[in-house]
């Protein structure tokens, strides 16, 4: 090979990959149980319903499935997504929606369109690591906002914003409903306060909502997008991201963005430089599936399935309460936990791998001030029997660290 000197862009001179995806190397080990990734389990996929939707999509419009499509997405899907948003309490029309290749693409487009290098962005502490990765690669100055068991601490946020020069912070990125990693759901009063703060401090909000449809206890809470019409000065400030990955199938790679016209127009131009359009075939499959009503019928079943898995894991963790404090979620796919036992989560992780169990140590979720005791456990993908065995392996991992429950 020739000795070539490559000149990389600043963001890629020493890039850091996804800490969670680095765990994939462990999953191929024989007998490994994963509490790591937030993936739908195979038994939750409606394979027959998706097969029928795929057949109908191709039979109805084979050339449209195989050809390029509009960058903003197919009208037939955007109409169905507008109906889905209305059922979730947000009154939008098809023209308000941009179909994206997963909601992660929507986040990337918004960052490219709305941020310049060096500008400040607020994120929850802890938060979704891929969002941190995208923001840092864009050269953003990432600032952390305090959270508690209910999500964003809005009193602390108000004080934080008041102490900063107006306009210094451009964006707030948040996952208000069943946050990744904490599972927290921001209460209605705090949501209204977030919107009021955005109006007062000229702040835009990126609301990421991949898990909102997976509520298994408690009352529904409207999205920030839906509530923005109720708070003076907040209309047009919320960019809403959603996805079919967690409720239908990640492999479709169908997500969407709801944003004001000026933002959408620029995101479309940015998207044209990335993929031209999201797969028309996948879009038509999703449109047929949504039009059949199958998703609405499936959501209560999915929520019940995740409730059972969550309760099974929480019950299994009860004997470890002297070693581990947990935050029970009301939906989503994750349990956030902290070691009480005077060890850090990375040490516990190393011991767990020796017991054929993986989870995610909490450090990658923190934009700053990482809590070394924290860890994320996902109950979504493992079976009930695997949850039982995995919790037992977690207990043995504590024992490997020289600690036993009281």
Protein backbone atom coordinates (compact mmCIF):
# COMPACT_ATOMS: atom_id res chain seq x y z
CA UNK A 1 0.00 0.00 0.00
CA UNK A 2 1.29 3.51 -0.80
CA UNK A 3 2.21 5.76 2.10
CA UNK A 4 -0.60 8.30 1.76
CA UNK A 5 -1.21 11.16 4.18
CA UNK A 6 -4.95 11.72 4.57
CA UNK A 7 -6.18 15.14 5.62
CA UNK A 8 -9.41 14.63 7.54
CA UNK A 9 -11.93 17.28 8.42
CA UNK A 10 -11.69 18.52 12.04
CA UNK A 11 -14.69 16.47 13.18
CA UNK A 12 -13.10 13.26 11.89
CA UNK A 13 -9.48 13.72 12.91
CA UNK A 14 -10.11 11.68 16.07
CA UNK A 15 -13.78 10.66 15.96
CA UNK A 16 -15.44 8.69 18.72
CA UNK A 17 -17.90 5.98 17.74
CA UNK A 18 -21.05 4.89 19.53
CA UNK A 19 -20.24 3.42 22.93
CA UNK A 20 -23.41 1.31 22.74
CA UNK A 21 -22.58 -0.14 19.33
CA UNK A 22 -19.13 -1.01 20.63
CA UNK A 23 -20.92 -3.55 22.83
CA UNK A 24 -22.01 -5.53 19.76
CA UNK A 25 -18.73 -7.48 19.87
CA UNK A 26 -19.94 -9.13 23.07
CA UNK A 27 -23.30 -10.21 21.64
CA UNK A 28 -21.74 -12.90 19.45
CA UNK A 29 -20.25 -14.65 22.47
CA UNK A 30 -22.00 -17.98 23.19
CA UNK A 31 -24.75 -17.71 25.78
CA UNK A 32 -24.56 -13.93 26.16
CA UNK A 33 -27.71 -12.18 27.45
CA UNK A 34 -28.09 -8.52 26.54
CA UNK A 35 -29.72 -5.84 28.68
CA UNK A 36 -27.92 -3.31 26.46
CA UNK A 37 -29.66 -2.32 23.21
CA UNK A 38 -33.17 -0.86 23.09
CA UNK A 39 -34.49 -3.11 20.33
CA UNK A 40 -37.95 -4.55 19.74
CA UNK A 41 -37.89 -8.31 20.35
CA UNK A 42 -38.42 -10.53 17.28
CA UNK A 43 -41.75 -11.82 18.62
CA UNK A 44 -43.15 -8.26 18.61
CA UNK A 45 -42.69 -7.88 14.84
CA UNK A 46 -45.94 -8.26 12.90
CA UNK A 47 -44.25 -10.26 10.18
CA UNK A 48 -47.49 -11.36 8.54
CA UNK A 49 -48.97 -7.86 8.55
CA UNK A 50 -45.78 -6.40 7.10
CA UNK A 51 -45.60 -9.15 4.48
CA UNK A 52 -49.13 -8.32 3.33
CA UNK A 53 -48.36 -4.60 3.32
CA UNK A 54 -45.23 -5.22 1.24
CA UNK A 55 -47.15 -7.36 -1.25
CA UNK A 56 -49.92 -4.79 -1.59
CA UNK A 57 -47.46 -1.93 -1.95
CA UNK A 58 -45.66 -3.67 -4.80
CA UNK A 59 -48.82 -4.95 -6.48
CA UNK A 60 -50.42 -1.50 -6.38
CA UNK A 61 -47.46 0.57 -7.61
CA UNK A 62 -44.43 -1.55 -8.56
CA UNK A 63 -42.71 1.18 -10.56
CA UNK A 64 -43.19 3.73 -7.79
CA UNK A 65 -41.66 1.29 -5.31
CA UNK A 66 -38.59 0.87 -7.51
CA UNK A 67 -38.13 4.49 -8.61
CA UNK A 68 -36.83 7.57 -6.84
CA UNK A 69 -39.43 9.50 -4.85
CA UNK A 70 -40.01 13.02 -3.60
CA UNK A 71 -37.46 14.16 -1.03
CA UNK A 72 -40.18 15.18 1.42
CA UNK A 73 -41.73 11.71 1.28
CA UNK A 74 -44.65 10.10 -0.50
CA UNK A 75 -47.99 11.91 -0.05
CA UNK A 76 -49.73 8.62 0.79
CA UNK A 77 -47.43 8.08 3.78
CA UNK A 78 -47.41 11.68 4.94
CA UNK A 79 -51.21 11.62 5.04
CA UNK A 80 -51.13 8.52 7.22
CA UNK A 81 -48.48 10.07 9.50
CA UNK A 82 -50.57 13.23 9.85
CA UNK A 83 -53.45 11.05 11.02
CA UNK A 84 -51.13 9.29 13.47
CA UNK A 85 -49.96 12.64 14.85
CA UNK A 86 -53.58 13.78 15.24
CA UNK A 87 -54.36 10.66 17.27
CA UNK A 88 -51.39 11.62 19.45
CA UNK A 89 -52.87 15.07 20.01
CA UNK A 90 -50.91 17.18 17.51
CA UNK A 91 -52.94 18.76 14.72
CA UNK A 92 -50.68 18.76 11.67
CA UNK A 93 -51.22 18.25 7.95
CA UNK A 94 -49.27 16.18 5.45
CA UNK A 95 -47.40 19.25 4.21
CA UNK A 96 -45.97 19.81 7.71
CA UNK A 97 -44.18 16.43 7.58
CA UNK A 98 -40.85 15.35 6.11
CA UNK A 99 -40.27 11.60 5.92
CA UNK A 100 -36.75 10.70 7.03
CA UNK A 101 -34.59 7.60 6.95
CA UNK A 102 -35.10 6.96 10.65
CA UNK A 103 -35.56 9.79 13.11
CA UNK A 104 -31.78 9.94 13.57
CA UNK A 105 -31.58 11.44 10.09
CA UNK A 106 -34.09 14.09 11.10
CA UNK A 107 -31.87 15.05 14.04
CA UNK A 108 -28.83 15.24 11.79
CA UNK A 109 -30.68 17.44 9.27
CA UNK A 110 -31.88 19.83 11.98
CA UNK A 111 -28.39 20.13 13.43
CA UNK A 112 -26.96 20.90 10.00
CA UNK A 113 -29.62 23.49 9.25
CA UNK A 114 -29.93 25.24 12.61
CA UNK A 115 -26.44 25.22 14.12
CA UNK A 116 -23.09 26.80 13.41
CA UNK A 117 -19.87 25.47 14.94
CA UNK A 118 -19.34 26.87 18.41
CA UNK A 119 -23.01 27.60 19.14
CA UNK A 120 -24.44 26.35 22.41
CA UNK A 121 -27.02 23.59 22.72
CA UNK A 122 -28.70 22.37 25.90
CA UNK A 123 -29.29 18.66 26.44
CA UNK A 124 -30.62 16.68 29.36
CA UNK A 125 -28.09 15.11 31.69
CA UNK A 126 -28.11 12.16 31.01
CA UNK A 127 -29.22 12.00 27.38
CA UNK A 128 -29.20 9.93 24.18
CA UNK A 129 -25.54 9.29 23.18
CA UNK A 130 -26.11 9.44 19.41
CA UNK A 131 -27.48 12.97 19.85
CA UNK A 132 -24.31 13.94 21.73
CA UNK A 133 -22.24 12.36 18.98
CA UNK A 134 -24.07 14.30 16.25
CA UNK A 135 -23.87 17.61 18.12
CA UNK A 136 -20.18 17.26 18.85
CA UNK A 137 -19.37 16.36 15.26
CA UNK A 138 -21.19 19.55 14.23
CA UNK A 139 -18.92 21.53 16.52
CA UNK A 140 -21.66 22.52 18.94
CA UNK A 141 -20.92 23.65 22.46
CA UNK A 142 -22.94 21.13 24.46
CA UNK A 143 -24.31 22.33 27.79
CA UNK A 144 -26.10 20.00 30.20
CA UNK A 145 -29.44 20.64 31.89
CA UNK A 146 -30.19 18.99 35.21
CA UNK A 147 -32.81 16.25 35.45
CA UNK A 148 -34.55 14.34 38.24
CA UNK A 149 -36.85 11.33 38.33
CA UNK A 150 -39.46 13.23 36.28
CA UNK A 151 -37.13 14.50 33.57
CA UNK A 152 -35.92 18.06 33.04
CA UNK A 153 -35.66 20.06 36.26
CA UNK A 154 -37.41 23.13 34.91
CA UNK A 155 -36.65 25.32 37.94
CA UNK A 156 -32.96 24.61 37.46
CA UNK A 157 -33.35 25.18 33.71
CA UNK A 158 -34.97 28.57 34.33
CA UNK A 159 -32.09 29.63 36.58
CA UNK A 160 -29.54 28.32 34.09
CA UNK A 161 -31.05 30.24 31.17
CA UNK A 162 -31.43 33.41 33.23
CA UNK A 163 -27.71 33.32 34.01
CA UNK A 164 -26.71 33.10 30.32
CA UNK A 165 -26.76 35.98 27.81
CA UNK A 166 -29.95 35.95 25.73
CA UNK A 167 -29.33 34.14 22.48
CA UNK A 168 -26.26 32.25 23.65
CA UNK A 169 -28.16 28.95 23.63
CA UNK A 170 -29.70 28.19 20.23
CA UNK A 171 -31.35 24.82 20.84
CA UNK A 172 -32.69 22.50 23.52
CA UNK A 173 -32.62 18.82 22.60
CA UNK A 174 -34.81 16.61 24.79
CA UNK A 175 -36.66 13.30 24.94
CA UNK A 176 -39.58 14.28 27.20
CA UNK A 177 -41.55 11.03 26.99
CA UNK A 178 -39.84 7.89 28.36
CA UNK A 179 -36.39 9.34 27.91
CA UNK A 180 -33.40 7.38 26.78
CA UNK A 181 -31.72 6.41 29.10
CA UNK A 182 -33.75 7.25 32.21
CA UNK A 183 -37.28 6.27 31.15
CA UNK A 184 -38.54 9.53 32.72
CA UNK A 185 -41.72 11.19 31.47
CA UNK A 186 -41.89 14.97 31.86
CA UNK A 187 -45.13 16.03 33.62
CA UNK A 188 -47.60 18.39 31.97
CA UNK A 189 -46.76 21.39 34.19
CA UNK A 190 -43.07 21.08 33.39
CA UNK A 191 -43.77 20.76 29.67
CA UNK A 192 -45.68 24.02 29.75
CA UNK A 193 -42.82 25.62 31.66
CA UNK A 194 -40.27 24.41 29.10
CA UNK A 195 -42.31 26.02 26.33
CA UNK A 196 -42.63 29.27 28.28
CA UNK A 197 -38.87 29.31 28.86
CA UNK A 198 -38.26 28.71 25.15
CA UNK A 199 -40.41 31.71 24.28
CA UNK A 200 -38.80 33.90 26.94
CA UNK A 201 -35.22 33.04 25.92
CA UNK A 202 -35.71 32.75 22.14
CA UNK A 203 -34.93 29.05 22.21
CA UNK A 204 -35.77 26.35 19.66
CA UNK A 205 -36.63 22.84 20.86
CA UNK A 206 -35.89 19.52 19.19
CA UNK A 207 -38.38 17.09 20.71
CA UNK A 208 -37.33 13.49 20.05
CA UNK A 209 -40.24 11.07 20.54
CA UNK A 210 -39.37 7.49 19.57
CA UNK A 211 -40.99 5.88 22.64
CA UNK A 212 -44.12 7.95 23.33
CA UNK A 213 -46.53 5.33 22.00
CA UNK A 214 -45.13 2.69 24.37
CA UNK A 215 -46.87 3.83 27.56
CA UNK A 216 -47.82 0.97 29.86
CA UNK A 217 -48.96 2.87 32.96
CA UNK A 218 -50.25 6.31 33.89
CA UNK A 219 -52.13 8.91 31.88
CA UNK A 220 -51.10 10.18 28.46
CA UNK A 221 -49.27 13.54 28.39
CA UNK A 222 -49.40 15.70 25.23
CA UNK A 223 -46.20 16.26 23.32
CA UNK A 224 -44.42 19.60 23.42
CA UNK A 225 -45.52 20.06 19.81
CA UNK A 226 -49.18 19.57 20.72
CA UNK A 227 -48.87 21.90 23.72
CA UNK A 228 -47.07 24.66 21.84
CA UNK A 229 -50.39 26.12 20.70
CA UNK A 230 -51.31 26.70 24.36
CA UNK A 231 -48.25 28.73 25.37
CA UNK A 232 -47.87 32.24 24.03
CA UNK A 233 -44.82 32.69 21.87
CA UNK A 234 -43.98 28.99 21.54
CA UNK A 235 -45.69 28.18 18.22
CA UNK A 236 -43.02 27.36 15.66
CA UNK A 237 -40.35 26.67 18.25
CA UNK A 238 -40.78 22.88 18.47
CA UNK A 239 -39.21 20.57 15.88
CA UNK A 240 -40.74 17.14 16.50
CA UNK A 241 -39.01 13.88 15.56
CA UNK A 242 -40.70 10.47 15.56
CA UNK A 243 -40.18 7.01 14.16
CA UNK A 244 -41.79 3.67 13.37
CA UNK A 245 -38.64 1.84 14.51
CA UNK A 246 -39.73 1.09 18.07
CA UNK A 247 -43.38 0.31 17.34
CA UNK A 248 -43.24 -1.41 13.94
CA UNK A 249 -39.78 -2.38 12.64
CA UNK A 250 -36.38 -0.65 12.74
CA UNK A 251 -35.49 -2.27 9.43
CA UNK A 252 -38.01 -0.12 7.57
CA UNK A 253 -35.90 2.94 8.52
CA UNK A 254 -38.99 5.17 8.38
CA UNK A 255 -39.07 8.23 10.61
CA UNK A 256 -40.49 11.71 10.23
CA UNK A 257 -40.05 15.31 11.20
CA UNK A 258 -42.67 17.98 11.89
CA UNK A 259 -41.22 21.48 11.61
CA UNK A 260 -42.12 24.99 10.40
CA UNK A 261 -41.98 25.62 6.65
CA UNK A 262 -38.73 27.60 6.70
CA UNK A 263 -36.97 24.80 8.58
CA UNK A 264 -38.50 22.04 6.44
CA UNK A 265 -37.41 23.71 3.22
CA UNK A 266 -33.80 23.83 4.34
CA UNK A 267 -33.90 20.30 5.72
CA UNK A 268 -35.15 19.07 2.35
CA UNK A 269 -32.17 20.67 0.62
CA UNK A 270 -29.86 19.10 3.19
CA UNK A 271 -31.56 15.72 2.72
CA UNK A 272 -31.06 15.91 -1.05
CA UNK A 273 -27.31 15.87 -0.46
CA UNK A 274 -27.57 12.78 1.77
CA UNK A 275 -29.97 10.23 0.28
CA UNK A 276 -32.15 12.11 -2.24
CA UNK A 277 -35.19 10.39 -0.73
CA UNK A 278 -36.14 7.78 1.84
CA UNK A 279 -36.83 4.40 0.22
CA UNK A 280 -40.19 4.69 -1.61
CA UNK A 281 -40.74 0.95 -1.23
CA UNK A 282 -40.34 1.14 2.55
CA UNK A 283 -42.60 4.20 2.62
CA UNK A 284 -45.36 2.42 0.72
CA UNK A 285 -45.12 -0.59 3.01
CA UNK A 286 -45.47 1.70 6.01
CA UNK A 287 -48.37 3.58 4.40
CA UNK A 288 -50.30 0.39 3.69
CA UNK A 289 -49.65 -0.92 7.18
CA UNK A 290 -50.86 2.30 8.82
CA UNK A 291 -53.90 2.51 6.53
CA UNK A 292 -54.92 -1.02 7.52
CA UNK A 293 -55.31 0.06 11.15
CA UNK A 294 -52.96 -2.73 12.23
CA UNK A 295 -50.64 -0.44 14.18
CA UNK A 296 -53.45 1.04 16.26
CA UNK A 297 -54.61 -2.47 17.09
CA UNK A 298 -51.06 -3.58 17.91
CA UNK A 299 -50.05 -0.70 20.20
CA UNK A 300 -52.02 -1.87 23.29
CA UNK A 301 -50.59 -5.37 22.82
CA UNK A 302 -47.06 -3.99 22.50
CA UNK A 303 -47.47 -1.81 25.57
CA UNK A 304 -48.77 -4.78 27.56
CA UNK A 305 -45.81 -6.86 26.42
CA UNK A 306 -43.31 -4.24 27.50
CA UNK A 307 -45.17 -3.78 30.80
CA UNK A 308 -44.79 -7.48 31.54
CA UNK A 309 -41.09 -7.42 30.72
CA UNK A 310 -40.48 -4.28 32.74
CA UNK A 311 -42.33 -5.65 35.76
CA UNK A 312 -40.42 -8.92 35.47
CA UNK A 313 -37.08 -7.11 35.52
CA UNK A 314 -38.10 -4.80 38.37
CA UNK A 315 -39.29 -7.77 40.41
CA UNK A 316 -36.02 -9.57 39.76
CA UNK A 317 -34.02 -6.54 40.85
CA UNK A 318 -35.86 -6.18 44.18
CA UNK A 319 -33.52 -8.56 46.05
CA UNK A 320 -30.63 -6.36 44.86
CA UNK A 321 -32.09 -3.13 46.26
CA UNK A 322 -29.26 -2.81 48.78
CA UNK A 323 -26.85 -2.82 45.83
CA UNK A 324 -28.79 -1.04 43.12
CA UNK A 325 -31.32 1.81 43.10
CA UNK A 326 -33.67 1.84 40.11
CA UNK A 327 -36.11 4.31 38.54
CA UNK A 328 -39.26 2.41 37.44
CA UNK A 329 -40.51 3.80 34.10
CA UNK A 330 -44.12 4.21 32.95
CA UNK A 331 -43.25 3.30 29.36
CA UNK A 332 -40.48 2.90 26.84
CA UNK A 333 -37.68 0.34 26.96
CA UNK A 334 -35.27 1.29 29.74
CA UNK A 335 -34.61 1.18 33.47
CA UNK A 336 -32.05 3.64 34.81
CA UNK A 337 -30.09 2.42 37.80
CA UNK A 338 -27.28 3.45 40.15
CA UNK A 339 -24.92 1.24 42.10
CA UNK A 340 -25.21 1.76 45.85
CA UNK A 341 -22.39 -0.59 46.61
CA UNK A 342 -19.39 1.72 46.23
CA UNK A 343 -18.29 0.34 42.85
CA UNK A 344 -18.53 1.99 39.47
CA UNK A 345 -20.69 0.67 36.67
CA UNK A 346 -17.72 -0.09 34.41
CA UNK A 347 -16.24 -2.41 37.04
CA UNK A 348 -19.64 -4.08 37.39
CA UNK A 349 -19.89 -4.33 33.59
CA UNK A 350 -16.55 -6.14 33.37
CA UNK A 351 -17.72 -8.60 36.00
CA UNK A 352 -21.07 -9.03 34.21
CA UNK A 353 -19.37 -9.89 30.91
CA UNK A 354 -17.57 -12.69 32.72
CA UNK A 355 -21.05 -13.92 33.71
CA UNK A 356 -22.31 -13.63 30.08
CA UNK A 357 -24.38 -10.48 30.62
CA UNK A 358 -24.05 -7.03 29.04
CA UNK A 359 -25.68 -3.73 29.91
CA UNK A 360 -24.66 -0.13 29.22
CA UNK A 361 -22.54 1.71 31.80
CA UNK A 362 -23.90 5.22 32.26
CA UNK A 363 -20.89 7.37 31.34
CA UNK A 364 -21.67 7.69 27.58
CA UNK A 365 -25.07 9.22 28.38
CA UNK A 366 -23.57 12.20 30.19
CA UNK A 367 -22.46 15.29 28.26
CA UNK A 368 -20.36 16.22 31.28
CA UNK A 369 -19.96 15.27 34.94
CA UNK A 370 -20.54 11.54 34.31
CA UNK A 371 -22.03 9.57 37.17
CA UNK A 372 -19.73 6.52 37.42
CA UNK A 373 -22.34 4.60 39.42
CA UNK A 374 -25.05 4.82 36.73
CA UNK A 375 -26.12 2.17 34.23
CA UNK A 376 -28.92 1.51 31.77
CA UNK A 377 -30.80 -1.78 31.65
CA UNK A 378 -33.11 -2.54 28.73
CA UNK A 379 -35.93 -5.02 29.23
CA UNK A 380 -37.14 -4.76 25.62
CA UNK A 381 -35.31 -7.45 23.67
CA UNK A 382 -34.70 -10.33 26.13
CA UNK A 383 -37.38 -12.89 26.78
CA UNK A 384 -38.93 -13.24 30.24
CA UNK A 385 -36.75 -16.28 30.88
CA UNK A 386 -33.65 -14.37 29.75
CA UNK A 387 -34.60 -11.49 32.05
CA UNK A 388 -34.72 -13.92 34.99
CA UNK A 389 -31.36 -15.45 34.09
CA UNK A 390 -29.82 -12.06 33.33
CA UNK A 391 -30.79 -10.63 36.71
CA UNK A 392 -29.26 -13.66 38.41
CA UNK A 393 -26.07 -13.08 36.40
CA UNK A 394 -26.11 -9.44 37.55
CA UNK A 395 -26.25 -10.65 41.16
CA UNK A 396 -23.25 -12.90 40.49
CA UNK A 397 -21.43 -9.97 38.91
CA UNK A 398 -21.81 -8.03 42.16
CA UNK A 399 -20.41 -11.06 43.98
CA UNK A 400 -17.42 -11.06 41.62
CA UNK A 401 -16.86 -7.48 42.75
CA UNK A 402 -16.81 -8.73 46.35
CA UNK A 403 -20.28 -7.44 47.26
CA UNK A 404 -23.38 -9.43 48.21
CA UNK A 405 -26.91 -8.15 48.84
CA UNK A 406 -28.03 -7.67 52.44
